[in-house]
Amino acid sequence: MTKLIAIANVIAWAGFWAFGYLALTAEGFSEAQMVTASLLAAAGLITGILAYLRLARVAEQTGYASKTNQLDAGQRNRAQQEGSI
C-alpha cells in the first residue's frame, strides 16, 4: 500500500507542475482550457500534499523516520498547568 501511495504522490506532483506550467505560460488557449489546466494543477497539488503527509505518517509509524517531538494530551495539560507553555 505504501508503494501505491508513493506512486500516486509522484504522479500528483508531476501533474501539478505540468498543468500548473501550462496554466501560467500557455498563450492562445481558450478560457475553458486554462480553467481545466488550473483545476488539474490544483487537484495535483492537493493530492500530492495528502499523499506526502500519509507517507510521512507511515514512515514515523514504521520507524523509518524519527518521531516528532509532540507531547501527548496528559503531558501537554501538565505543562500548561505549570506555565511552561
N, C-alpha and C. Protein backbone atom coordinates (compact mmCIF):
# COMPACT_ATOMS: atom_id res chain seq x y z
N MET A 1 0.82 -1.19 0.00
CA MET A 1 0.00 0.00 0.00
C MET A 1 0.87 1.26 0.00
N THR A 2 2.00 1.19 0.69
CA THR A 2 2.88 2.35 0.75
C THR A 2 3.44 2.68 -0.63
N LYS A 3 3.77 1.64 -1.40
CA LYS A 3 4.30 1.88 -2.74
C LYS A 3 3.24 2.53 -3.62
N LEU A 4 2.00 2.14 -3.47
CA LEU A 4 0.92 2.72 -4.25
C LEU A 4 0.76 4.21 -3.90
N ILE A 5 0.86 4.54 -2.63
CA ILE A 5 0.75 5.94 -2.21
C ILE A 5 1.93 6.73 -2.74
N ALA A 6 3.12 6.13 -2.74
CA ALA A 6 4.30 6.82 -3.26
C ALA A 6 4.16 7.07 -4.76
N ILE A 7 3.64 6.10 -5.49
CA ILE A 7 3.43 6.28 -6.93
C ILE A 7 2.39 7.38 -7.17
N ALA A 8 1.32 7.38 -6.39
CA ALA A 8 0.31 8.43 -6.53
C ALA A 8 0.90 9.79 -6.20
N ASN A 9 1.80 9.84 -5.24
CA ASN A 9 2.46 11.08 -4.87
C ASN A 9 3.26 11.63 -6.04
N VAL A 10 4.06 10.79 -6.67
CA VAL A 10 4.89 11.22 -7.80
C VAL A 10 4.01 11.69 -8.97
N ILE A 11 2.97 10.93 -9.28
CA ILE A 11 2.09 11.31 -10.38
C ILE A 11 1.36 12.61 -10.08
N ALA A 12 0.93 12.78 -8.83
CA ALA A 12 0.21 14.01 -8.46
C ALA A 12 1.12 15.23 -8.58
N TRP A 13 2.35 15.13 -8.10
CA TRP A 13 3.26 16.28 -8.20
C TRP A 13 3.64 16.55 -9.64
N ALA A 14 3.81 15.51 -10.44
CA ALA A 14 4.10 15.70 -11.86
C ALA A 14 2.94 16.41 -12.55
N GLY A 15 1.72 16.01 -12.23
CA GLY A 15 0.54 16.67 -12.79
C GLY A 15 0.44 18.12 -12.34
N PHE A 16 0.76 18.37 -11.09
CA PHE A 16 0.72 19.74 -10.58
C PHE A 16 1.69 20.63 -11.36
N TRP A 17 2.93 20.17 -11.51
CA TRP A 17 3.92 21.00 -12.21
C TRP A 17 3.60 21.14 -13.69
N ALA A 18 3.18 20.06 -14.33
CA ALA A 18 2.90 20.12 -15.76
C ALA A 18 1.70 21.02 -16.06
N PHE A 19 0.59 20.78 -15.37
CA PHE A 19 -0.61 21.57 -15.65
C PHE A 19 -0.49 22.98 -15.09
N GLY A 20 0.24 23.15 -14.00
CA GLY A 20 0.48 24.49 -13.49
C GLY A 20 1.30 25.32 -14.46
N TYR A 21 2.30 24.69 -15.06
CA TYR A 21 3.10 25.39 -16.06
C TYR A 21 2.25 25.76 -17.27
N LEU A 22 1.41 24.83 -17.71
CA LEU A 22 0.52 25.13 -18.83
C LEU A 22 -0.43 26.28 -18.50
N ALA A 23 -0.98 26.26 -17.31
CA ALA A 23 -1.95 27.29 -16.93
C ALA A 23 -1.30 28.67 -16.85
N LEU A 24 -0.04 28.71 -16.45
CA LEU A 24 0.62 30.01 -16.29
C LEU A 24 1.25 30.55 -17.57
N THR A 25 1.75 29.68 -18.42
CA THR A 25 2.54 30.16 -19.55
C THR A 25 1.90 29.97 -20.92
N ALA A 26 0.80 29.27 -21.00
CA ALA A 26 0.20 28.97 -22.30
C ALA A 26 -0.40 30.23 -22.91
N GLU A 27 -0.13 30.39 -24.19
CA GLU A 27 -0.72 31.50 -24.93
C GLU A 27 -1.58 30.92 -26.05
N GLY A 28 -2.68 31.54 -26.31
CA GLY A 28 -3.55 31.09 -27.38
C GLY A 28 -4.54 30.01 -26.96
N PHE A 29 -4.57 29.67 -25.70
CA PHE A 29 -5.54 28.70 -25.22
C PHE A 29 -6.86 29.40 -24.94
N SER A 30 -7.94 28.67 -25.04
CA SER A 30 -9.25 29.24 -24.70
C SER A 30 -9.37 29.31 -23.18
N GLU A 31 -10.37 30.04 -22.74
CA GLU A 31 -10.58 30.20 -21.29
C GLU A 31 -10.90 28.86 -20.65
N ALA A 32 -11.66 28.02 -21.34
CA ALA A 32 -12.01 26.70 -20.80
C ALA A 32 -10.77 25.83 -20.63
N GLN A 33 -9.84 25.91 -21.56
CA GLN A 33 -8.61 25.13 -21.45
C GLN A 33 -7.75 25.63 -20.29
N MET A 34 -7.71 26.93 -20.08
CA MET A 34 -6.95 27.49 -18.96
C MET A 34 -7.56 27.09 -17.62
N VAL A 35 -8.87 27.12 -17.54
CA VAL A 35 -9.55 26.72 -16.30
C VAL A 35 -9.32 25.24 -16.03
N THR A 36 -9.40 24.42 -17.08
CA THR A 36 -9.16 22.99 -16.92
C THR A 36 -7.75 22.72 -16.44
N ALA A 37 -6.76 23.39 -17.03
CA ALA A 37 -5.37 23.21 -16.59
C ALA A 37 -5.20 23.66 -15.15
N SER A 38 -5.85 24.74 -14.78
CA SER A 38 -5.75 25.23 -13.40
C SER A 38 -6.38 24.25 -12.41
N LEU A 39 -7.52 23.70 -12.77
CA LEU A 39 -8.19 22.74 -11.89
C LEU A 39 -7.38 21.45 -11.76
N LEU A 40 -6.79 21.00 -12.85
CA LEU A 40 -5.95 19.80 -12.78
C LEU A 40 -4.69 20.06 -11.95
N ALA A 41 -4.13 21.26 -12.06
CA ALA A 41 -2.97 21.60 -11.24
C ALA A 41 -3.35 21.64 -9.76
N ALA A 42 -4.51 22.20 -9.45
CA ALA A 42 -4.97 22.25 -8.06
C ALA A 42 -5.22 20.85 -7.52
N ALA A 43 -5.80 19.98 -8.35
CA ALA A 43 -6.03 18.60 -7.92
C ALA A 43 -4.71 17.89 -7.67
N GLY A 44 -3.72 18.13 -8.51
CA GLY A 44 -2.40 17.54 -8.31
C GLY A 44 -1.75 18.05 -7.04
N LEU A 45 -1.90 19.33 -6.75
CA LEU A 45 -1.34 19.90 -5.53
C LEU A 45 -1.96 19.28 -4.29
N ILE A 46 -3.27 19.22 -4.25
CA ILE A 46 -3.96 18.68 -3.07
C ILE A 46 -3.64 17.20 -2.89
N THR A 47 -3.68 16.44 -3.98
CA THR A 47 -3.38 15.02 -3.90
C THR A 47 -1.93 14.78 -3.50
N GLY A 48 -1.02 15.58 -4.02
CA GLY A 48 0.39 15.45 -3.67
C GLY A 48 0.66 15.74 -2.21
N ILE A 49 0.04 16.77 -1.68
CA ILE A 49 0.22 17.10 -0.26
C ILE A 49 -0.34 16.00 0.62
N LEU A 50 -1.54 15.53 0.31
CA LEU A 50 -2.14 14.48 1.13
C LEU A 50 -1.33 13.18 1.08
N ALA A 51 -0.85 12.83 -0.10
CA ALA A 51 -0.04 11.61 -0.22
C ALA A 51 1.28 11.76 0.52
N TYR A 52 1.89 12.93 0.45
CA TYR A 52 3.14 13.15 1.17
C TYR A 52 2.94 13.06 2.67
N LEU A 53 1.87 13.65 3.17
CA LEU A 53 1.60 13.58 4.60
C LEU A 53 1.32 12.14 5.04
N ARG A 54 0.62 11.38 4.22
CA ARG A 54 0.35 9.97 4.53
C ARG A 54 1.67 9.19 4.57
N LEU A 55 2.56 9.44 3.62
CA LEU A 55 3.85 8.76 3.60
C LEU A 55 4.70 9.13 4.81
N ALA A 56 4.64 10.39 5.23
CA ALA A 56 5.39 10.81 6.41
C ALA A 56 4.86 10.11 7.66
N ARG A 57 3.54 9.97 7.77
CA ARG A 57 2.95 9.29 8.91
C ARG A 57 3.36 7.82 8.95
N VAL A 58 3.33 7.16 7.79
CA VAL A 58 3.72 5.76 7.71
C VAL A 58 5.20 5.59 8.07
N ALA A 59 6.03 6.52 7.62
CA ALA A 59 7.46 6.45 7.92
C ALA A 59 7.71 6.58 9.42
N GLU A 60 6.96 7.42 10.11
CA GLU A 60 7.11 7.54 11.56
C GLU A 60 6.64 6.28 12.27
N GLN A 61 5.53 5.71 11.81
CA GLN A 61 4.98 4.52 12.46
C GLN A 61 5.86 3.30 12.28
N THR A 62 6.52 3.19 11.14
CA THR A 62 7.36 2.02 10.89
C THR A 62 8.77 2.19 11.43
N GLY A 63 9.13 3.37 11.90
CA GLY A 63 10.46 3.59 12.44
C GLY A 63 11.47 4.05 11.40
N TYR A 64 11.05 4.22 10.16
CA TYR A 64 11.96 4.68 9.12
C TYR A 64 12.38 6.13 9.36
N ALA A 65 11.46 6.94 9.88
CA ALA A 65 11.75 8.33 10.22
C ALA A 65 11.61 8.50 11.72
N SER A 66 12.34 9.46 12.27
CA SER A 66 12.25 9.69 13.72
C SER A 66 10.89 10.30 14.06
N LYS A 67 10.42 10.02 15.26
CA LYS A 67 9.13 10.53 15.71
C LYS A 67 9.22 12.04 15.93
N THR A 68 8.09 12.72 15.77
CA THR A 68 8.05 14.15 16.04
C THR A 68 8.07 14.37 17.55
N ASN A 69 8.44 15.53 17.96
CA ASN A 69 8.56 15.84 19.38
C ASN A 69 7.28 16.46 19.93
N GLN A 70 6.16 15.85 19.62
CA GLN A 70 4.89 16.35 20.13
C GLN A 70 4.58 15.71 21.47
N LEU A 71 3.94 16.48 22.32
CA LEU A 71 3.53 15.98 23.63
C LEU A 71 2.18 15.30 23.51
N ASP A 72 1.97 14.27 24.32
CA ASP A 72 0.63 13.68 24.35
C ASP A 72 -0.26 14.58 25.21
N ALA A 73 -1.55 14.26 25.27
CA ALA A 73 -2.52 15.14 25.92
C ALA A 73 -2.21 15.34 27.40
N GLY A 74 -1.82 14.28 28.10
CA GLY A 74 -1.51 14.40 29.52
C GLY A 74 -0.30 15.28 29.78
N GLN A 75 0.75 15.09 29.03
CA GLN A 75 1.95 15.92 29.19
C GLN A 75 1.67 17.38 28.83
N ARG A 76 0.88 17.60 27.80
CA ARG A 76 0.56 18.97 27.39
C ARG A 76 -0.25 19.68 28.47
N ASN A 77 -1.25 19.00 29.04
CA ASN A 77 -2.07 19.61 30.09
C ASN A 77 -1.23 19.91 31.33
N ARG A 78 -0.35 18.99 31.69
CA ARG A 78 0.52 19.20 32.85
C ARG A 78 1.46 20.39 32.61
N ALA A 79 2.00 20.49 31.42
CA ALA A 79 2.89 21.61 31.10
C ALA A 79 2.14 22.93 31.10
N GLN A 80 0.90 22.94 30.63
CA GLN A 80 0.12 24.17 30.63
C GLN A 80 -0.22 24.61 32.04
N GLN A 81 -0.49 23.64 32.92
CA GLN A 81 -0.80 23.98 34.31
C GLN A 81 0.42 24.54 35.03
N GLU A 82 1.61 24.03 34.68
CA GLU A 82 2.83 24.54 35.28
C GLU A 82 3.26 25.86 34.68
N GLY A 83 2.70 26.23 33.53
CA GLY A 83 3.00 27.50 32.92
C GLY A 83 4.25 27.49 32.04
N SER A 84 4.69 26.31 31.62
CA SER A 84 5.90 26.27 30.81
C SER A 84 5.61 26.34 29.32
N ILE A 85 4.34 26.34 28.95
CA ILE A 85 4.00 26.50 27.52
C ILE A 85 3.28 27.82 27.35
